[in-house]
Amino acid sequence: LEERHADDLDSVITGLATHWAEASAGGDPTRAVELALRASEVAVERGALENGIGWLEQALELLDDDRLRTREARAVTVQLATLQAVASDGPAGRANALAAAKAAFDADDVEMVCAALQVSERSSFSVDDGADPERTDLLRRALDLDGLTPFQRASLLGELAAELIFERDIAGRRDALDARSELLAELPIAERAWLNRRPADFNWRGVTREETQERLGWLDHLDTDSLSPSDQVTATGTRFFLGLGCMDGGAVGAAMADLVAAGEHHGKAWAFAKLMRSMAATVAGRIDEADRLARAAVESMRGVGMAEYTNYMSTSALGNA
């Protein structure tokens, strides 16, 4: 198969990965793992997230490292957690990310600690989506590590700020965001763009329209191809909110169009596209259309298992009242 399809291995990647996995039983799994990882990437590119998860789980089985002692096993576990978060399997993704983070702490692997703690399935917030003291504790421990770069520290502070919403520690969240804002000035614009891909990562207190426009401009430097599917959707949502905040109709329209396109392969994107179209219709004074879209958004959120759909259901009901 490899010889016949040397110019296009992706066309037979599932067969290759399967055969190599079977042939590697009891032997060297290196090639089998490599192909399983590529099969996962191809599946994700085609919008088949569940298949992508399956291939990553196979790669971990081949690595046979249930304690995540090797860096490769930790890296694959982080990839798996990321996909599980995208596929609305939040509890499994969170558990895998925390396991990888704890193993990385034991191995003094600072880079992997940061990578694991950047995985979060939280899209918004809900009373049904509770606090996670273990993750909060790991984030605080990570911020005490020696050798963190300004980029890594800023990233961890953003994650801590988002997590503290669920702890109801608003003062602590503000402190984390203020410390993060100081670090942003030291970073190249591409890193600033990546760190500000999510609305929850912003400190919105006292932000002027000009500052909002500047933040929107940062996102022009975001390498979207390097983002996970979940982060791509979230970054598009950030463009929408920043565009709305500085009255940039072009940015708002482009973000909504991108979310509709992403919705073909990503249920959360489709739900948020409807929600944002509802917001835009409200601003434009098209209240009946806004109400219809808000209800549709709530149903889409419920359909893909987003815990915060109850928040938007209440908001829609209050809007009608």
Protein backbone atom coordinates (compact mmCIF):
# COMPACT_ATOMS: atom_id res chain seq x y z
CA LEU A 1 0.00 0.00 0.00
CA GLU A 2 2.77 2.42 0.86
CA GLU A 3 4.56 1.77 -2.42
CA ARG A 4 1.44 1.98 -4.58
CA HIS A 5 0.20 5.17 -2.93
CA ALA A 6 3.51 6.82 -2.15
CA ASP A 7 2.30 10.13 -3.60
CA ASP A 8 -0.94 10.12 -1.60
CA LEU A 9 -0.73 8.05 1.57
CA ASP A 10 -3.69 9.89 3.05
CA SER A 11 -6.00 8.14 0.58
CA VAL A 12 -5.19 4.79 2.25
CA ILE A 13 -4.21 6.03 5.69
CA THR A 14 -6.90 4.11 7.60
CA GLY A 15 -5.88 0.81 5.99
CA LEU A 16 -2.21 1.48 6.60
CA ALA A 17 -2.78 2.46 10.23
CA THR A 18 -4.88 -0.64 10.83
CA HIS A 19 -2.40 -3.06 9.24
CA TRP A 20 0.60 -1.52 10.99
CA ALA A 21 -1.18 -1.68 14.35
CA GLU A 22 -1.88 -5.39 13.86
CA ALA A 23 1.65 -6.08 12.61
CA SER A 24 3.24 -4.25 15.53
CA ALA A 25 1.68 -6.35 18.28
CA GLY A 26 4.47 -7.26 20.68
CA GLY A 27 7.03 -5.36 18.62
CA ASP A 28 8.16 -1.82 17.83
CA PRO A 29 5.04 0.39 17.59
CA THR A 30 6.82 3.48 16.21
CA ARG A 31 5.46 3.34 12.65
CA ALA A 32 2.03 2.23 13.79
CA VAL A 33 1.78 5.18 16.19
CA GLU A 34 2.96 7.58 13.51
CA LEU A 35 0.25 6.37 11.12
CA ALA A 36 -2.47 6.39 13.79
CA LEU A 37 -1.64 10.02 14.55
CA ARG A 38 -1.82 10.91 10.85
CA ALA A 39 -5.11 9.00 10.49
CA SER A 40 -6.47 11.12 13.34
CA GLU A 41 -5.37 14.34 11.63
CA VAL A 42 -7.00 13.28 8.34
CA ALA A 43 -10.23 12.38 10.14
CA VAL A 44 -10.33 15.79 11.83
CA GLU A 45 -9.65 17.56 8.53
CA ARG A 46 -12.66 15.74 7.10
CA GLY A 47 -14.85 16.71 10.05
CA ALA A 48 -14.98 13.18 11.53
CA LEU A 49 -14.02 14.10 15.09
CA GLU A 50 -15.13 10.81 16.63
CA ASN A 51 -12.88 8.90 14.23
CA GLY A 52 -10.04 11.24 15.10
CA ILE A 53 -10.56 10.44 18.78
CA GLY A 54 -10.55 6.71 18.03
CA TRP A 55 -7.20 6.88 16.25
CA LEU A 56 -5.62 8.81 19.12
CA GLU A 57 -6.93 6.22 21.58
CA GLN A 58 -5.34 3.53 19.40
CA ALA A 59 -2.04 5.41 19.41
CA LEU A 60 -2.10 5.46 23.22
CA GLU A 61 -2.83 1.74 23.34
CA LEU A 62 0.15 1.11 21.07
CA LEU A 63 2.38 3.26 23.27
CA ASP A 64 1.29 1.14 26.27
CA ASP A 65 2.15 3.84 28.81
CA ASP A 66 -0.78 4.02 31.21
CA ARG A 67 1.16 6.21 33.66
CA LEU A 68 2.16 8.71 30.93
CA ARG A 69 5.84 8.45 31.77
CA THR A 70 6.99 9.24 28.23
CA ARG A 71 6.67 12.63 26.63
CA GLU A 72 5.09 11.14 23.52
CA ALA A 73 2.29 9.57 25.55
CA ARG A 74 1.66 12.86 27.34
CA ALA A 75 1.58 14.74 24.03
CA VAL A 76 -0.90 12.28 22.49
CA THR A 77 -3.06 12.52 25.61
CA VAL A 78 -3.18 16.30 25.26
CA GLN A 79 -4.23 15.91 21.61
CA LEU A 80 -6.92 13.45 22.67
CA ALA A 81 -8.20 15.79 25.38
CA THR A 82 -8.40 18.64 22.87
CA LEU A 83 -10.50 16.61 20.44
CA GLN A 84 -12.76 15.32 23.19
CA ALA A 85 -13.42 18.91 24.27
CA VAL A 86 -14.31 19.83 20.68
CA ALA A 87 -16.59 16.81 20.33
CA SER A 88 -18.61 17.85 23.40
CA ASP A 89 -17.12 15.05 25.52
CA GLY A 90 -15.99 17.55 28.12
CA PRO A 91 -15.64 15.31 31.19
CA ALA A 92 -13.36 12.85 29.38
CA GLY A 93 -11.33 15.66 27.85
CA ARG A 94 -10.92 17.39 31.18
CA ALA A 95 -9.84 14.16 32.89
CA ASN A 96 -7.25 13.40 30.21
CA ALA A 97 -5.88 16.95 30.22
CA LEU A 98 -5.49 16.89 34.00
CA ALA A 99 -3.82 13.46 33.88
CA ALA A 100 -1.32 14.75 31.30
CA ALA A 101 -0.67 17.89 33.36
CA LYS A 102 -0.01 15.92 36.55
CA ALA A 103 2.31 13.51 34.72
CA ALA A 104 4.15 16.48 33.19
CA PHE A 105 4.62 18.01 36.67
CA ASP A 106 6.16 14.72 37.83
CA ALA A 107 8.51 14.75 34.83
CA ASP A 108 9.46 18.45 35.26
CA ASP A 109 8.15 18.98 31.72
CA VAL A 110 7.15 22.65 31.88
CA GLU A 111 6.17 22.92 28.23
CA MET A 112 3.78 19.98 28.48
CA VAL A 113 2.32 21.26 31.75
CA CYS A 114 1.38 24.45 29.93
CA ALA A 115 0.03 22.59 26.88
CA ALA A 116 -2.15 20.33 29.02
CA LEU A 117 -3.54 23.19 31.08
CA GLN A 118 -4.50 25.10 27.95
CA VAL A 119 -7.08 22.42 27.12
CA SER A 120 -10.52 23.50 28.27
CA GLU A 121 -13.94 22.52 26.98
CA ARG A 122 -15.66 25.51 28.55
CA SER A 123 -17.51 27.52 25.89
CA SER A 124 -19.26 29.91 28.22
CA PHE A 125 -20.58 29.20 31.72
CA SER A 126 -23.56 27.65 33.35
CA VAL A 127 -24.89 26.75 36.78
CA ASP A 128 -24.75 23.16 35.52
CA ASP A 129 -21.02 23.45 34.82
CA GLY A 130 -19.36 23.56 38.22
CA ALA A 131 -16.02 24.65 39.56
CA ASP A 132 -12.97 22.42 39.20
CA PRO A 133 -10.72 23.00 42.25
CA GLU A 134 -8.19 20.45 40.99
CA ARG A 135 -7.62 22.34 37.74
CA THR A 136 -7.48 25.67 39.57
CA ASP A 137 -4.85 24.25 41.94
CA LEU A 138 -2.77 22.91 39.03
CA LEU A 139 -2.90 26.30 37.32
CA ARG A 140 -1.67 28.03 40.47
CA ARG A 141 1.11 25.44 40.85
CA ALA A 142 2.09 25.95 37.22
CA LEU A 143 2.35 29.71 37.70
CA ASP A 144 4.95 29.04 40.44
CA LEU A 145 7.16 26.98 38.10
CA ASP A 146 10.64 28.27 37.29
CA GLY A 147 11.53 29.00 33.70
CA LEU A 148 8.12 30.10 32.42
CA THR A 149 8.30 32.41 29.43
CA PRO A 150 6.12 35.57 29.43
CA PHE A 151 3.93 33.86 26.82
CA GLN A 152 3.45 30.74 28.95
CA ARG A 153 2.76 32.79 32.07
CA ALA A 154 0.21 34.94 30.22
CA SER A 155 -1.47 31.82 28.86
CA LEU A 156 -1.76 30.23 32.30
CA LEU A 157 -3.11 33.46 33.78
CA GLY A 158 -5.81 33.50 31.11
CA GLU A 159 -6.80 29.94 31.92
CA LEU A 160 -6.86 30.74 35.64
CA ALA A 161 -8.99 33.83 35.02
CA ALA A 162 -11.51 31.75 33.06
CA GLU A 163 -11.57 29.03 35.72
CA LEU A 164 -12.16 31.52 38.51
CA ILE A 165 -15.50 32.45 36.94
CA PHE A 166 -16.71 29.06 38.13
CA GLU A 167 -15.15 29.57 41.55
CA ARG A 168 -17.13 32.84 41.76
CA ASP A 169 -13.80 34.49 42.63
CA ILE A 170 -14.29 37.67 40.61
CA ALA A 171 -11.59 39.61 42.47
CA GLY A 172 -9.08 36.84 41.80
CA ARG A 173 -10.13 36.79 38.13
CA ARG A 174 -9.52 40.53 37.84
CA ASP A 175 -6.08 40.17 39.44
CA ALA A 176 -5.17 37.40 36.99
CA LEU A 177 -6.36 39.44 34.00
CA ASP A 178 -4.53 42.56 35.21
CA ALA A 179 -1.28 40.59 35.57
CA ARG A 180 -1.84 39.10 32.14
CA SER A 181 -2.44 42.52 30.58
CA GLU A 182 0.95 43.69 31.85
CA LEU A 183 2.63 40.71 30.18
CA LEU A 184 0.91 41.27 26.83
CA ALA A 185 2.91 44.43 26.19
CA GLU A 186 6.12 42.35 26.16
CA LEU A 187 4.91 39.89 23.52
CA PRO A 188 5.03 39.87 19.72
CA ILE A 189 1.68 40.69 18.15
CA ALA A 190 1.17 37.12 16.85
CA GLU A 191 1.46 35.80 20.43
CA ARG A 192 -0.88 38.53 21.68
CA ALA A 193 -3.37 37.46 19.02
CA TRP A 194 -3.23 33.80 20.10
CA LEU A 195 -3.65 34.69 23.76
CA ASN A 196 -6.69 36.82 22.98
CA ARG A 197 -8.54 34.26 20.87
CA ARG A 198 -11.29 33.84 23.49
CA PRO A 199 -13.68 36.47 24.86
CA ALA A 200 -13.16 35.16 28.42
CA ASP A 201 -9.47 36.07 28.13
CA PHE A 202 -10.18 39.80 27.97
CA ASN A 203 -10.28 42.27 30.79
CA TRP A 204 -13.25 44.34 29.63
CA ARG A 205 -13.17 46.86 32.48
CA GLY A 206 -12.83 50.42 31.22
CA VAL A 207 -11.94 49.34 27.69
CA THR A 208 -12.49 52.08 25.13
CA ARG A 209 -13.79 51.65 21.61
CA GLU A 210 -10.28 52.41 20.30
CA GLU A 211 -8.76 49.67 22.47
CA THR A 212 -11.41 47.24 21.28
CA GLN A 213 -10.55 48.12 17.67
CA GLU A 214 -6.86 47.51 18.46
CA ARG A 215 -7.63 44.07 19.88
CA LEU A 216 -9.66 43.24 16.80
CA GLY A 217 -6.61 44.19 14.73
CA TRP A 218 -4.44 41.78 16.71
CA LEU A 219 -6.54 38.89 15.44
CA ASP A 220 -5.45 39.67 11.88
CA HIS A 221 -2.09 38.23 12.95
CA LEU A 222 -3.56 34.98 14.26
CA ASP A 223 -2.29 31.84 12.50
CA THR A 224 -5.66 30.11 12.30
CA ASP A 225 -4.17 27.02 10.62
CA SER A 226 -2.25 26.30 13.83
CA LEU A 227 -5.37 26.38 16.00
CA SER A 228 -7.41 23.41 17.11
CA PRO A 229 -10.93 23.21 15.62
CA SER A 230 -12.35 24.40 18.93
CA ASP A 231 -10.00 27.39 19.09
CA GLN A 232 -10.82 28.31 15.49
CA VAL A 233 -14.49 28.54 16.40
CA THR A 234 -13.75 30.45 19.60
CA ALA A 235 -11.45 32.92 17.82
CA THR A 236 -14.18 33.58 15.27
CA GLY A 237 -16.58 34.29 18.12
CA THR A 238 -14.04 36.70 19.58
CA ARG A 239 -13.92 38.56 16.26
CA PHE A 240 -17.69 38.87 16.43
CA PHE A 241 -17.75 40.31 19.96
CA LEU A 242 -14.89 42.71 19.30
CA GLY A 243 -16.50 43.82 16.03
CA LEU A 244 -19.77 44.41 17.87
CA GLY A 245 -17.91 46.31 20.59
CA CYS A 246 -16.32 48.76 18.16
CA MET A 247 -19.29 48.91 15.76
CA ASP A 248 -17.41 47.22 12.90
CA GLY A 249 -20.18 45.73 10.79
CA GLY A 250 -17.75 44.13 8.35
CA ALA A 251 -16.02 42.15 11.10
CA VAL A 252 -19.37 41.09 12.56
CA GLY A 253 -20.67 39.88 9.19
CA ALA A 254 -17.47 38.03 8.33
CA ALA A 255 -17.40 36.27 11.71
CA MET A 256 -20.99 35.10 11.35
CA ALA A 257 -20.30 33.79 7.84
CA ASP A 258 -17.24 31.88 9.07
CA LEU A 259 -19.22 30.34 11.91
CA VAL A 260 -21.96 29.20 9.56
CA ALA A 261 -19.31 27.55 7.35
CA ALA A 262 -17.62 25.91 10.36
CA GLY A 263 -21.00 24.63 11.53
CA GLU A 264 -20.96 21.98 8.80
CA HIS A 265 -18.41 20.04 10.87
CA HIS A 266 -18.74 21.55 14.34
CA GLY A 267 -22.03 21.59 16.23
CA LYS A 268 -20.95 24.31 18.65
CA ALA A 269 -20.06 26.62 15.75
CA TRP A 270 -23.55 26.26 14.28
CA ALA A 271 -25.15 26.98 17.65
CA PHE A 272 -23.04 30.09 18.20
CA ALA A 273 -23.66 31.26 14.63
CA LYS A 274 -27.39 31.31 15.36
CA LEU A 275 -26.83 33.06 18.68
CA MET A 276 -24.67 35.76 17.10
CA ARG A 277 -27.09 36.28 14.23
CA SER A 278 -29.73 36.81 16.91
CA MET A 279 -27.57 39.45 18.60
CA ALA A 280 -26.92 41.21 15.30
CA ALA A 281 -30.65 41.20 14.51
CA THR A 282 -31.38 42.69 17.94
CA VAL A 283 -28.91 45.53 17.37
CA ALA A 284 -30.52 46.16 13.98
CA GLY A 285 -33.99 46.28 15.56
CA ARG A 286 -35.31 43.11 13.88
CA ILE A 287 -36.77 41.76 17.13
CA ASP A 288 -39.00 39.00 15.72
CA GLU A 289 -36.09 37.59 13.72
CA ALA A 290 -33.83 37.88 16.77
CA ASP A 291 -36.30 35.92 18.89
CA ARG A 292 -36.59 33.15 16.30
CA LEU A 293 -32.81 32.85 16.00
CA ALA A 294 -32.34 32.89 19.79
CA ARG A 295 -34.74 29.98 20.19
CA ALA A 296 -33.00 28.09 17.38
CA ALA A 297 -29.63 28.70 19.05
CA VAL A 298 -30.89 27.29 22.35
CA GLU A 299 -32.14 24.14 20.61
CA SER A 300 -28.80 23.71 18.81
CA MET A 301 -26.90 24.10 22.08
CA ARG A 302 -29.14 21.54 23.73
CA GLY A 303 -28.56 19.18 20.81
CA VAL A 304 -24.76 19.22 21.10
CA GLY A 305 -24.78 18.94 24.90
CA MET A 306 -23.64 22.45 25.81
CA ALA A 307 -24.44 22.89 29.50
CA GLU A 308 -24.92 26.65 29.19
CA TYR A 309 -27.96 26.31 26.92
CA THR A 310 -30.07 26.90 30.07
CA ASN A 311 -28.54 30.40 30.39
CA TYR A 312 -29.52 31.33 26.87
CA MET A 313 -32.93 29.75 27.25
CA SER A 314 -33.56 32.06 30.22
CA THR A 315 -32.21 35.05 28.32
CA SER A 316 -34.51 34.29 25.41
CA ALA A 317 -37.51 33.98 27.75
CA LEU A 318 -36.67 37.28 29.45
CA GLY A 319 -36.32 38.92 26.06
CA ASN A 320 -39.81 37.78 25.13
CA ALA A 321 -41.21 39.09 28.40
